[in-house]
């Protein structure tokens, strides 16, 4: 991940942290990083909401975080520029065989537990 993409990711983490703080009164960067990693695992908003349901995240908060991630995440920006194959989730014009979420976990070092 290049420096600019890393900066964009840090900005996203900051905005998600702020959003969680506004809704739930918890300002924790680690929770924001976890939520962004969960978003990368989920192909759509309903599945993302279901993944965060056990942590009692309000529906409006998950919708807001989904909007932020889709707008600010470097992986989504790349998909918009290159064109994403909606059928299988792979990026067109790329040599990668991974979806952007898989690439994010590989490049950013997100460890699955």
PDB file of N, CA and C in Angstrom:
ATOM      1  N   UNK A   1       0.854  -1.159   0.000  1.00  0.00           N
ATOM      2  CA  UNK A   1       0.000   0.000   0.000  1.00  0.00           C
ATOM      3  C   UNK A   1       0.907   1.230   0.000  1.00  0.00           C
ATOM      4  N   UNK A   2       0.667   2.139  -0.946  1.00  0.00           N
ATOM      5  CA  UNK A   2       1.514   3.315  -1.016  1.00  0.00           C
ATOM      6  C   UNK A   2       1.191   4.308   0.110  1.00  0.00           C
ATOM      7  N   UNK A   3       2.022   5.319   0.228  1.00  0.00           N
ATOM      8  CA  UNK A   3       1.891   6.274   1.336  1.00  0.00           C
ATOM      9  C   UNK A   3       0.560   7.020   1.304  1.00  0.00           C
ATOM     10  N   UNK A   4       0.120   7.409   0.113  1.00  0.00           N
ATOM     11  CA  UNK A   4      -1.134   8.159   0.002  1.00  0.00           C
ATOM     12  C   UNK A   4      -2.323   7.285   0.404  1.00  0.00           C
ATOM     13  N   UNK A   5      -2.324   6.043  -0.013  1.00  0.00           N
ATOM     14  CA  UNK A   5      -3.407   5.126   0.365  1.00  0.00           C
ATOM     15  C   UNK A   5      -3.394   4.890   1.873  1.00  0.00           C
ATOM     16  N   UNK A   6      -2.217   4.801   2.454  1.00  0.00           N
ATOM     17  CA  UNK A   6      -2.099   4.626   3.904  1.00  0.00           C
ATOM     18  C   UNK A   6      -2.662   5.849   4.631  1.00  0.00           C
ATOM     19  N   UNK A   7      -2.389   7.029   4.111  1.00  0.00           N
ATOM     20  CA  UNK A   7      -2.920   8.258   4.688  1.00  0.00           C
ATOM     21  C   UNK A   7      -4.452   8.292   4.578  1.00  0.00           C
ATOM     22  N   UNK A   8      -4.977   7.867   3.430  1.00  0.00           N
ATOM     23  CA  UNK A   8      -6.433   7.806   3.262  1.00  0.00           C
ATOM     24  C   UNK A   8      -7.059   6.827   4.250  1.00  0.00           C
ATOM     25  N   UNK A   9      -6.403   5.705   4.472  1.00  0.00           N
ATOM     26  CA  UNK A   9      -6.907   4.709   5.420  1.00  0.00           C
ATOM     27  C   UNK A   9      -6.894   5.260   6.850  1.00  0.00           C
ATOM     28  N   UNK A  10      -5.843   5.984   7.218  1.00  0.00           N
ATOM     29  CA  UNK A  10      -5.789   6.606   8.540  1.00  0.00           C
ATOM     30  C   UNK A  10      -6.891   7.649   8.709  1.00  0.00           C
ATOM     31  N   UNK A  11      -7.161   8.395   7.662  1.00  0.00           N
ATOM     32  CA  UNK A  11      -8.240   9.377   7.701  1.00  0.00           C
ATOM     33  C   UNK A  11      -9.590   8.684   7.881  1.00  0.00           C
ATOM     34  N   UNK A  12      -9.780   7.572   7.196  1.00  0.00           N
ATOM     35  CA  UNK A  12     -11.013   6.794   7.330  1.00  0.00           C
ATOM     36  C   UNK A  12     -11.169   6.283   8.762  1.00  0.00           C
ATOM     37  N   UNK A  13     -10.101   5.756   9.338  1.00  0.00           N
ATOM     38  CA  UNK A  13     -10.153   5.261  10.715  1.00  0.00           C
ATOM     39  C   UNK A  13     -10.553   6.392  11.655  1.00  0.00           C
ATOM     40  N   UNK A  14      -9.997   7.579  11.443  1.00  0.00           N
ATOM     41  CA  UNK A  14     -10.333   8.726  12.272  1.00  0.00           C
ATOM     42  C   UNK A  14     -11.804   9.099  12.154  1.00  0.00           C
ATOM     43  N   UNK A  15     -12.334   9.093  10.936  1.00  0.00           N
ATOM     44  CA  UNK A  15     -13.746   9.446  10.732  1.00  0.00           C
ATOM     45  C   UNK A  15     -14.682   8.387  11.317  1.00  0.00           C
ATOM     46  N   UNK A  16     -14.330   7.118  11.173  1.00  0.00           N
ATOM     47  CA  UNK A  16     -15.157   6.056  11.746  1.00  0.00           C
ATOM     48  C   UNK A  16     -15.105   6.128  13.273  1.00  0.00           C
ATOM     49  N   UNK A  17     -13.935   6.411  13.830  1.00  0.00           N
ATOM     50  CA  UNK A  17     -13.814   6.587  15.285  1.00  0.00           C
ATOM     51  C   UNK A  17     -14.719   7.712  15.757  1.00  0.00           C
ATOM     52  N   UNK A  18     -14.711   8.818  15.039  1.00  0.00           N
ATOM     53  CA  UNK A  18     -15.553   9.958  15.385  1.00  0.00           C
ATOM     54  C   UNK A  18     -17.035   9.602  15.296  1.00  0.00           C
ATOM     55  N   UNK A  19     -17.406   8.867  14.273  1.00  0.00           N
ATOM     56  CA  UNK A  19     -18.809   8.467  14.091  1.00  0.00           C
ATOM     57  C   UNK A  19     -19.263   7.541  15.224  1.00  0.00           C
ATOM     58  N   UNK A  20     -18.426   6.587  15.593  1.00  0.00           N
ATOM     59  CA  UNK A  20     -18.758   5.678  16.702  1.00  0.00           C
ATOM     60  C   UNK A  20     -18.865   6.470  18.008  1.00  0.00           C
ATOM     61  N   UNK A  21     -17.981   7.431  18.188  1.00  0.00           N
ATOM     62  CA  UNK A  21     -18.027   8.268  19.378  1.00  0.00           C
ATOM     63  C   UNK A  21     -19.330   9.082  19.430  1.00  0.00           C
ATOM     64  N   UNK A  22     -19.752   9.620  18.291  1.00  0.00           N
ATOM     65  CA  UNK A  22     -20.993  10.401  18.242  1.00  0.00           C
ATOM     66  C   UNK A  22     -22.209   9.564  18.592  1.00  0.00           C
ATOM     67  N   UNK A  23     -22.253   8.334  18.122  1.00  0.00           N
ATOM     68  CA  UNK A  23     -23.423   7.474  18.338  1.00  0.00           C
ATOM     69  C   UNK A  23     -23.392   6.758  19.680  1.00  0.00           C
ATOM     70  N   UNK A  24     -22.206   6.290  20.083  1.00  0.00           N
ATOM     71  CA  UNK A  24     -22.140   5.394  21.234  1.00  0.00           C
ATOM     72  C   UNK A  24     -21.315   5.939  22.401  1.00  0.00           C
ATOM     73  N   UNK A  25     -20.625   7.059  22.200  1.00  0.00           N
ATOM     74  CA  UNK A  25     -19.827   7.637  23.268  1.00  0.00           C
ATOM     75  C   UNK A  25     -18.531   6.889  23.548  1.00  0.00           C
ATOM     76  N   UNK A  26     -18.045   6.126  22.559  1.00  0.00           N
ATOM     77  CA  UNK A  26     -16.806   5.358  22.709  1.00  0.00           C
ATOM     78  C   UNK A  26     -15.827   5.845  21.641  1.00  0.00           C
ATOM     79  N   UNK A  27     -14.711   6.404  22.070  1.00  0.00           N
ATOM     80  CA  UNK A  27     -13.701   6.892  21.128  1.00  0.00           C
ATOM     81  C   UNK A  27     -12.500   5.958  21.179  1.00  0.00           C
ATOM     82  N   UNK A  28     -12.551   4.889  20.390  1.00  0.00           N
ATOM     83  CA  UNK A  28     -11.485   3.893  20.396  1.00  0.00           C
ATOM     84  C   UNK A  28     -11.098   3.556  18.963  1.00  0.00           C
ATOM     85  N   UNK A  29      -9.859   3.856  18.605  1.00  0.00           N
ATOM     86  CA  UNK A  29      -9.358   3.613  17.253  1.00  0.00           C
ATOM     87  C   UNK A  29      -9.377   2.120  16.908  1.00  0.00           C
ATOM     88  N   UNK A  30      -9.128   1.273  17.875  1.00  0.00           N
ATOM     89  CA  UNK A  30      -9.102  -0.170  17.635  1.00  0.00           C
ATOM     90  C   UNK A  30     -10.471  -0.680  17.210  1.00  0.00           C
ATOM     91  N   UNK A  31     -11.523  -0.160  17.824  1.00  0.00           N
ATOM     92  CA  UNK A  31     -12.885  -0.561  17.440  1.00  0.00           C
ATOM     93  C   UNK A  31     -13.155  -0.125  16.003  1.00  0.00           C
ATOM     94  N   UNK A  32     -12.733   1.080  15.649  1.00  0.00           N
ATOM     95  CA  UNK A  32     -12.923   1.561  14.282  1.00  0.00           C
ATOM     96  C   UNK A  32     -12.196   0.671  13.276  1.00  0.00           C
ATOM     97  N   UNK A  33     -10.974   0.271  13.582  1.00  0.00           N
ATOM     98  CA  UNK A  33     -10.225  -0.615  12.692  1.00  0.00           C
ATOM     99  C   UNK A  33     -10.915  -1.968  12.566  1.00  0.00           C
ATOM    100  N   UNK A  34     -11.456  -2.469  13.677  1.00  0.00           N
ATOM    101  CA  UNK A  34     -12.189  -3.730  13.644  1.00  0.00           C
ATOM    102  C   UNK A  34     -13.424  -3.623  12.752  1.00  0.00           C
ATOM    103  N   UNK A  35     -14.161  -2.526  12.891  1.00  0.00           N
ATOM    104  CA  UNK A  35     -15.376  -2.330  12.101  1.00  0.00           C
ATOM    105  C   UNK A  35     -15.037  -2.235  10.611  1.00  0.00           C
ATOM    106  N   UNK A  36     -13.957  -1.548  10.279  1.00  0.00           N
ATOM    107  CA  UNK A  36     -13.534  -1.445   8.874  1.00  0.00           C
ATOM    108  C   UNK A  36     -13.132  -2.812   8.343  1.00  0.00           C
ATOM    109  N   UNK A  37     -12.449  -3.607   9.152  1.00  0.00           N
ATOM    110  CA  UNK A  37     -12.071  -4.969   8.736  1.00  0.00           C
ATOM    111  C   UNK A  37     -13.315  -5.837   8.552  1.00  0.00           C
ATOM    112  N   UNK A  38     -14.307  -5.690   9.427  1.00  0.00           N
ATOM    113  CA  UNK A  38     -15.570  -6.429   9.272  1.00  0.00           C
ATOM    114  C   UNK A  38     -16.263  -6.023   7.980  1.00  0.00           C
ATOM    115  N   UNK A  39     -16.208  -4.742   7.650  1.00  0.00           N
ATOM    116  CA  UNK A  39     -16.833  -4.259   6.418  1.00  0.00           C
ATOM    117  C   UNK A  39     -16.183  -4.911   5.200  1.00  0.00           C
ATOM    118  N   UNK A  40     -14.876  -5.113   5.262  1.00  0.00           N
ATOM    119  CA  UNK A  40     -14.163  -5.727   4.143  1.00  0.00           C
ATOM    120  C   UNK A  40     -14.591  -7.174   3.925  1.00  0.00           C
ATOM    121  N   UNK A  41     -15.051  -7.836   4.986  1.00  0.00           N
ATOM    122  CA  UNK A  41     -15.482  -9.233   4.883  1.00  0.00           C
ATOM    123  C   UNK A  41     -16.898  -9.377   4.332  1.00  0.00           C
ATOM    124  N   UNK A  42     -17.673  -8.307   4.386  1.00  0.00           N
ATOM    125  CA  UNK A  42     -19.093  -8.369   4.024  1.00  0.00           C
ATOM    126  C   UNK A  42     -19.324  -7.779   2.634  1.00  0.00           C
ATOM    127  N   UNK A  43     -20.008  -8.510   1.772  1.00  0.00           N
ATOM    128  CA  UNK A  43     -20.210  -8.025   0.411  1.00  0.00           C
ATOM    129  C   UNK A  43     -21.267  -6.929   0.278  1.00  0.00           C
ATOM    130  N   UNK A  44     -22.171  -6.797   1.241  1.00  0.00           N
ATOM    131  CA  UNK A  44     -23.219  -5.790   1.127  1.00  0.00           C
ATOM    132  C   UNK A  44     -23.636  -5.266   2.501  1.00  0.00           C
ATOM    133  N   UNK A  45     -24.463  -4.223   2.492  1.00  0.00           N
ATOM    134  CA  UNK A  45     -24.868  -3.566   3.732  1.00  0.00           C
ATOM    135  C   UNK A  45     -25.646  -4.483   4.674  1.00  0.00           C
ATOM    136  N   UNK A  46     -26.641  -5.262   4.208  1.00  0.00           N
ATOM    137  CA  UNK A  46     -27.362  -6.126   5.152  1.00  0.00           C
ATOM    138  C   UNK A  46     -26.455  -7.124   5.885  1.00  0.00           C
ATOM    139  N   UNK A  47     -25.482  -7.674   5.194  1.00  0.00           N
ATOM    140  CA  UNK A  47     -24.564  -8.611   5.841  1.00  0.00           C
ATOM    141  C   UNK A  47     -23.654  -7.885   6.831  1.00  0.00           C
ATOM    142  N   UNK A  48     -23.255  -6.665   6.498  1.00  0.00           N
ATOM    143  CA  UNK A  48     -22.450  -5.852   7.401  1.00  0.00           C
ATOM    144  C   UNK A  48     -23.241  -5.525   8.668  1.00  0.00           C
ATOM    145  N   UNK A  49     -24.504  -5.167   8.495  1.00  0.00           N
ATOM    146  CA  UNK A  49     -25.363  -4.880   9.653  1.00  0.00           C
ATOM    147  C   UNK A  49     -25.529  -6.118  10.517  1.00  0.00           C
ATOM    148  N   UNK A  50     -25.691  -7.261   9.895  1.00  0.00           N
ATOM    149  CA  UNK A  50     -25.836  -8.509  10.646  1.00  0.00           C
ATOM    150  C   UNK A  50     -24.557  -8.835  11.416  1.00  0.00           C
ATOM    151  N   UNK A  51     -23.400  -8.546  10.814  1.00  0.00           N
ATOM    152  CA  UNK A  51     -22.127  -8.826  11.473  1.00  0.00           C
ATOM    153  C   UNK A  51     -21.941  -7.962  12.727  1.00  0.00           C
ATOM    154  N   UNK A  52     -22.476  -6.742  12.706  1.00  0.00           N
ATOM    155  CA  UNK A  52     -22.313  -5.834  13.847  1.00  0.00           C
ATOM    156  C   UNK A  52     -23.500  -5.866  14.803  1.00  0.00           C
ATOM    157  N   UNK A  53     -24.502  -6.629  14.456  1.00  0.00           N
ATOM    158  CA  UNK A  53     -25.710  -6.702  15.285  1.00  0.00           C
ATOM    159  C   UNK A  53     -25.413  -7.221  16.691  1.00  0.00           C
ATOM    160  N   UNK A  54     -24.528  -8.197  16.813  1.00  0.00           N
ATOM    161  CA  UNK A  54     -24.219  -8.762  18.122  1.00  0.00           C
ATOM    162  C   UNK A  54     -23.515  -7.763  19.045  1.00  0.00           C
ATOM    163  N   UNK A  55     -22.952  -6.695  18.470  1.00  0.00           N
ATOM    164  CA  UNK A  55     -22.283  -5.666  19.271  1.00  0.00           C
ATOM    165  C   UNK A  55     -23.207  -4.481  19.543  1.00  0.00           C
ATOM    166  N   UNK A  56     -24.476  -4.620  19.198  1.00  0.00           N
ATOM    167  CA  UNK A  56     -25.522  -3.626  19.439  1.00  0.00           C
ATOM    168  C   UNK A  56     -25.235  -2.286  18.762  1.00  0.00           C
ATOM    169  N   UNK A  57     -24.724  -2.350  17.531  1.00  0.00           N
ATOM    170  CA  UNK A  57     -24.537  -1.134  16.748  1.00  0.00           C
ATOM    171  C   UNK A  57     -25.893  -0.735  16.166  1.00  0.00           C
ATOM    172  N   UNK A  58     -26.302   0.521  16.331  1.00  0.00           N
ATOM    173  CA  UNK A  58     -27.563   0.960  15.739  1.00  0.00           C
ATOM    174  C   UNK A  58     -27.512   0.866  14.208  1.00  0.00           C
ATOM    175  N   UNK A  59     -28.661   0.608  13.613  1.00  0.00           N
ATOM    176  CA  UNK A  59     -28.732   0.467  12.159  1.00  0.00           C
ATOM    177  C   UNK A  59     -28.248   1.733  11.458  1.00  0.00           C
ATOM    178  N   UNK A  60     -28.620   2.888  12.003  1.00  0.00           N
ATOM    179  CA  UNK A  60     -28.210   4.148  11.380  1.00  0.00           C
ATOM    180  C   UNK A  60     -26.685   4.328  11.438  1.00  0.00           C
ATOM    181  N   UNK A  61     -26.059   3.821  12.498  1.00  0.00           N
ATOM    182  CA  UNK A  61     -24.600   3.907  12.600  1.00  0.00           C
ATOM    183  C   UNK A  61     -23.938   3.016  11.553  1.00  0.00           C
ATOM    184  N   UNK A  62     -24.434   1.801  11.383  1.00  0.00           N
ATOM    185  CA  UNK A  62     -23.830   0.912  10.383  1.00  0.00           C
ATOM    186  C   UNK A  62     -24.028   1.466   8.976  1.00  0.00           C
ATOM    187  N   UNK A  63     -25.163   2.100   8.727  1.00  0.00           N
ATOM    188  CA  UNK A  63     -25.386   2.724   7.416  1.00  0.00           C
ATOM    189  C   UNK A  63     -24.407   3.871   7.196  1.00  0.00           C
ATOM    190  N   UNK A  64     -24.180   4.657   8.232  1.00  0.00           N
ATOM    191  CA  UNK A  64     -23.250   5.778   8.144  1.00  0.00           C
ATOM    192  C   UNK A  64     -21.815   5.290   7.924  1.00  0.00           C
ATOM    193  N   UNK A  65     -21.419   4.251   8.652  1.00  0.00           N
ATOM    194  CA  UNK A  65     -20.071   3.698   8.487  1.00  0.00           C
ATOM    195  C   UNK A  65     -19.915   3.093   7.093  1.00  0.00           C
ATOM    196  N   UNK A  66     -20.943   2.404   6.610  1.00  0.00           N
ATOM    197  CA  UNK A  66     -20.906   1.835   5.266  1.00  0.00           C
ATOM    198  C   UNK A  66     -20.683   2.939   4.229  1.00  0.00           C
ATOM    199  N   UNK A  67     -21.399   4.037   4.374  1.00  0.00           N
ATOM    200  CA  UNK A  67     -21.247   5.167   3.450  1.00  0.00           C
ATOM    201  C   UNK A  67     -19.828   5.731   3.525  1.00  0.00           C
ATOM    202  N   UNK A  68     -19.306   5.901   4.743  1.00  0.00           N
ATOM    203  CA  UNK A  68     -17.949   6.419   4.898  1.00  0.00           C
ATOM    204  C   UNK A  68     -16.914   5.501   4.247  1.00  0.00           C
ATOM    205  N   UNK A  69     -17.029   4.212   4.506  1.00  0.00           N
ATOM    206  CA  UNK A  69     -16.053   3.268   3.964  1.00  0.00           C
ATOM    207  C   UNK A  69     -16.126   3.237   2.440  1.00  0.00           C
ATOM    208  N   UNK A  70     -17.332   3.190   1.901  1.00  0.00           N
ATOM    209  CA  UNK A  70     -17.460   3.157   0.439  1.00  0.00           C
ATOM    210  C   UNK A  70     -16.981   4.440  -0.215  1.00  0.00           C
ATOM    211  N   UNK A  71     -17.048   5.552   0.497  1.00  0.00           N
ATOM    212  CA  UNK A  71     -16.613   6.835  -0.048  1.00  0.00           C
ATOM    213  C   UNK A  71     -15.118   7.067   0.124  1.00  0.00           C
ATOM    214  N   UNK A  72     -14.562   6.692   1.272  1.00  0.00           N
ATOM    215  CA  UNK A  72     -13.198   7.094   1.610  1.00  0.00           C
ATOM    216  C   UNK A  72     -12.145   6.000   1.553  1.00  0.00           C
ATOM    217  N   UNK A  73     -12.555   4.749   1.532  1.00  0.00           N
ATOM    218  CA  UNK A  73     -11.562   3.662   1.564  1.00  0.00           C
ATOM    219  C   UNK A  73     -10.804   3.582   0.243  1.00  0.00           C
ATOM    220  N   UNK A  74      -9.476   3.498   0.300  1.00  0.00           N
ATOM    221  CA  UNK A  74      -8.681   3.424  -0.932  1.00  0.00           C
ATOM    222  C   UNK A  74      -9.063   2.233  -1.816  1.00  0.00           C
ATOM    223  N   UNK A  75      -9.486   1.116  -1.241  1.00  0.00           N
ATOM    224  CA  UNK A  75      -9.882  -0.049  -2.031  1.00  0.00           C
ATOM    225  C   UNK A  75     -11.121   0.230  -2.863  1.00  0.00           C
ATOM    226  N   UNK A  76     -12.072   0.934  -2.317  1.00  0.00           N
ATOM    227  CA  UNK A  76     -13.268   1.275  -3.077  1.00  0.00           C
ATOM    228  C   UNK A  76     -12.969   2.323  -4.128  1.00  0.00           C
ATOM    229  N   UNK A  77     -12.100   3.271  -3.816  1.00  0.00           N
ATOM    230  CA  UNK A  77     -11.734   4.276  -4.804  1.00  0.00           C
ATOM    231  C   UNK A  77     -11.072   3.623  -6.004  1.00  0.00           C
ATOM    232  N   UNK A  78     -10.217   2.628  -5.762  1.00  0.00           N
ATOM    233  CA  UNK A  78      -9.560   1.907  -6.847  1.00  0.00           C
ATOM    234  C   UNK A  78     -10.594   1.169  -7.682  1.00  0.00           C
ATOM    235  N   UNK A  79     -11.603   0.566  -7.021  1.00  0.00           N
ATOM    236  CA  UNK A  79     -12.640  -0.149  -7.736  1.00  0.00           C
ATOM    237  C   UNK A  79     -13.412   0.779  -8.666  1.00  0.00           C
ATOM    238  N   UNK A  80     -13.672   1.995  -8.211  1.00  0.00           N
ATOM    239  CA  UNK A  80     -14.403   2.953  -9.024  1.00  0.00           C
ATOM    240  C   UNK A  80     -13.565   3.354 -10.229  1.00  0.00           C
ATOM    241  N   UNK A  81     -12.268   3.558 -10.031  1.00  0.00           N
ATOM    242  CA  UNK A  81     -11.393   3.957 -11.139  1.00  0.00           C
ATOM    243  C   UNK A  81     -11.225   2.831 -12.156  1.00  0.00           C
ATOM    244  N   UNK A  82     -11.008   1.622 -11.698  1.00  0.00           N
ATOM    245  CA  UNK A  82     -10.714   0.504 -12.594  1.00  0.00           C
ATOM    246  C   UNK A  82     -11.955  -0.233 -13.067  1.00  0.00           C
ATOM    247  N   UNK A  83     -13.066  -0.063 -12.383  1.00  0.00           N
ATOM    248  CA  UNK A  83     -14.270  -0.799 -12.725  1.00  0.00           C
ATOM    249  C   UNK A  83     -14.280  -2.129 -12.006  1.00  0.00           C
ATOM    250  N   UNK A  84     -15.290  -2.346 -11.197  1.00  0.00           N
ATOM    251  CA  UNK A  84     -15.357  -3.576 -10.411  1.00  0.00           C
ATOM    252  C   UNK A  84     -16.345  -4.528 -11.063  1.00  0.00           C
ATOM    253  N   UNK A  85     -15.970  -5.761 -11.149  1.00  0.00           N
ATOM    254  CA  UNK A  85     -16.852  -6.795 -11.654  1.00  0.00           C
ATOM    255  C   UNK A  85     -17.828  -7.145 -10.531  1.00  0.00           C
ATOM    256  N   UNK A  86     -19.078  -6.708 -10.654  1.00  0.00           N
ATOM    257  CA  UNK A  86     -20.059  -6.910  -9.594  1.00  0.00           C
ATOM    258  C   UNK A  86     -20.399  -8.384  -9.395  1.00  0.00           C
ATOM    259  N   UNK A  87     -20.250  -9.192 -10.419  1.00  0.00           N
ATOM    260  CA  UNK A  87     -20.636 -10.591 -10.312  1.00  0.00           C
ATOM    261  C   UNK A  87     -19.758 -11.362  -9.334  1.00  0.00           C
ATOM    262  N   UNK A  88     -18.439 -11.195  -9.433  1.00  0.00           N
ATOM    263  CA  UNK A  88     -17.565 -11.977  -8.564  1.00  0.00           C
ATOM    264  C   UNK A  88     -16.738 -11.123  -7.606  1.00  0.00           C
ATOM    265  N   UNK A  89     -16.913  -9.799  -7.632  1.00  0.00           N
ATOM    266  CA  UNK A  89     -16.235  -8.944  -6.675  1.00  0.00           C
ATOM    267  C   UNK A  89     -14.770  -8.702  -6.962  1.00  0.00           C
ATOM    268  N   UNK A  90     -14.282  -9.141  -8.114  1.00  0.00           N
ATOM    269  CA  UNK A  90     -12.873  -8.958  -8.438  1.00  0.00           C
ATOM    270  C   UNK A  90     -12.691  -7.663  -9.232  1.00  0.00           C
ATOM    271  N   UNK A  91     -11.537  -7.090  -9.112  1.00  0.00           N
ATOM    272  CA  UNK A  91     -11.249  -5.837  -9.784  1.00  0.00           C
ATOM    273  C   UNK A  91     -10.840  -6.139 -11.219  1.00  0.00           C
ATOM    274  N   UNK A  92     -11.524  -5.483 -12.172  1.00  0.00           N
ATOM    275  CA  UNK A  92     -11.177  -5.657 -13.576  1.00  0.00           C
ATOM    276  C   UNK A  92      -9.917  -4.865 -13.884  1.00  0.00           C
ATOM    277  N   UNK A  93      -9.138  -5.328 -14.823  1.00  0.00           N
ATOM    278  CA  UNK A  93      -7.924  -4.628 -15.205  1.00  0.00           C
ATOM    279  C   UNK A  93      -6.770  -4.856 -14.239  1.00  0.00           C
ATOM    280  N   UNK A  94      -6.944  -5.742 -13.315  1.00  0.00           N
ATOM    281  CA  UNK A  94      -5.920  -6.027 -12.322  1.00  0.00           C
ATOM    282  C   UNK A  94      -5.468  -7.474 -12.502  1.00  0.00           C
ATOM    283  N   UNK A  95      -4.241  -7.763 -12.167  1.00  0.00           N
ATOM    284  CA  UNK A  95      -3.755  -9.134 -12.269  1.00  0.00           C
ATOM    285  C   UNK A  95      -4.136  -9.954 -11.050  1.00  0.00           C
ATOM    286  N   UNK A  96      -4.650  -9.300 -10.048  1.00  0.00           N
ATOM    287  CA  UNK A  96      -4.969  -9.966  -8.792  1.00  0.00           C
ATOM    288  C   UNK A  96      -6.141 -10.917  -8.939  1.00  0.00           C
ATOM    289  N   UNK A  97      -6.078 -12.018  -8.222  1.00  0.00           N
ATOM    290  CA  UNK A  97      -7.192 -12.964  -8.193  1.00  0.00           C
ATOM    291  C   UNK A  97      -7.991 -12.811  -6.910  1.00  0.00           C
ATOM    292  N   UNK A  98      -7.636 -11.803  -6.094  1.00  0.00           N
ATOM    293  CA  UNK A  98      -8.312 -11.568  -4.830  1.00  0.00           C
ATOM    294  C   UNK A  98      -9.352 -10.471  -4.981  1.00  0.00           C
ATOM    295  N   UNK A  99     -10.385 -10.517  -4.148  1.00  0.00           N
ATOM    296  CA  UNK A  99     -11.308  -9.393  -4.074  1.00  0.00           C
ATOM    297  C   UNK A  99     -10.585  -8.274  -3.350  1.00  0.00           C
ATOM    298  N   UNK A 100     -11.141  -7.066  -3.405  1.00  0.00           N
ATOM    299  CA  UNK A 100     -10.449  -5.942  -2.757  1.00  0.00           C
ATOM    300  C   UNK A 100     -10.360  -6.159  -1.252  1.00  0.00           C
ATOM    301  N   UNK A 101     -11.348  -6.798  -0.634  1.00  0.00           N
ATOM    302  CA  UNK A 101     -11.306  -7.052   0.805  1.00  0.00           C
ATOM    303  C   UNK A 101     -10.165  -7.993   1.166  1.00  0.00           C
ATOM    304  N   UNK A 102      -9.960  -9.016   0.330  1.00  0.00           N
ATOM    305  CA  UNK A 102      -8.860  -9.940   0.565  1.00  0.00           C
ATOM    306  C   UNK A 102      -7.526  -9.225   0.393  1.00  0.00           C
ATOM    307  N   UNK A 103      -7.437  -8.366  -0.624  1.00  0.00           N
ATOM    308  CA  UNK A 103      -6.210  -7.604  -0.833  1.00  0.00           C
ATOM    309  C   UNK A 103      -5.944  -6.684   0.347  1.00  0.00           C
ATOM    310  N   UNK A 104      -7.000  -6.073   0.855  1.00  0.00           N
ATOM    311  CA  UNK A 104      -6.842  -5.190   2.010  1.00  0.00           C
ATOM    312  C   UNK A 104      -6.262  -5.945   3.186  1.00  0.00           C
ATOM    313  N   UNK A 105      -6.807  -7.117   3.481  1.00  0.00           N
ATOM    314  CA  UNK A 105      -6.307  -7.900   4.608  1.00  0.00           C
ATOM    315  C   UNK A 105      -4.865  -8.337   4.377  1.00  0.00           C
ATOM    316  N   UNK A 106      -4.522  -8.685   3.139  1.00  0.00           N
ATOM    317  CA  UNK A 106      -3.162  -9.122   2.854  1.00  0.00           C
ATOM    318  C   UNK A 106      -2.173  -7.958   2.945  1.00  0.00           C
ATOM    319  N   UNK A 107      -2.533  -6.813   2.365  1.00  0.00           N
ATOM    320  CA  UNK A 107      -1.611  -5.679   2.315  1.00  0.00           C
ATOM    321  C   UNK A 107      -1.526  -4.942   3.642  1.00  0.00           C
ATOM    322  N   UNK A 108      -2.657  -4.766   4.292  1.00  0.00           N
ATOM    323  CA  UNK A 108      -2.666  -3.982   5.531  1.00  0.00           C
ATOM    324  C   UNK A 108      -2.314  -4.823   6.744  1.00  0.00           C
ATOM    325  N   UNK A 109      -2.192  -6.129   6.550  1.00  0.00           N
ATOM    326  CA  UNK A 109      -1.800  -6.989   7.654  1.00  0.00           C
ATOM    327  C   UNK A 109      -2.914  -7.276   8.616  1.00  0.00           C
ATOM    328  N   UNK A 110      -4.164  -7.191   8.164  1.00  0.00           N
ATOM    329  CA  UNK A 110      -5.285  -7.526   9.043  1.00  0.00           C
ATOM    330  C   UNK A 110      -5.245  -9.011   9.303  1.00  0.00           C
ATOM    331  N   UNK A 111      -5.182  -9.366  10.562  1.00  0.00           N
ATOM    332  CA  UNK A 111      -5.146 -10.782  10.941  1.00  0.00           C
ATOM    333  C   UNK A 111      -6.529 -11.227  11.304  1.00  0.00           C
ATOM    334  N   UNK A 112      -6.926 -12.346  10.738  1.00  0.00           N
ATOM    335  CA  UNK A 112      -8.218 -12.913  11.096  1.00  0.00           C
ATOM    336  C   UNK A 112      -8.041 -13.763  12.343  1.00  0.00           C
ATOM    337  N   UNK A 113      -8.961 -13.597  13.248  1.00  0.00           N
ATOM    338  CA  UNK A 113      -8.850 -14.367  14.485  1.00  0.00           C
ATOM    339  C   UNK A 113      -9.827 -15.497  14.514  1.00  0.00           C
TER     340      UNK A 113
END
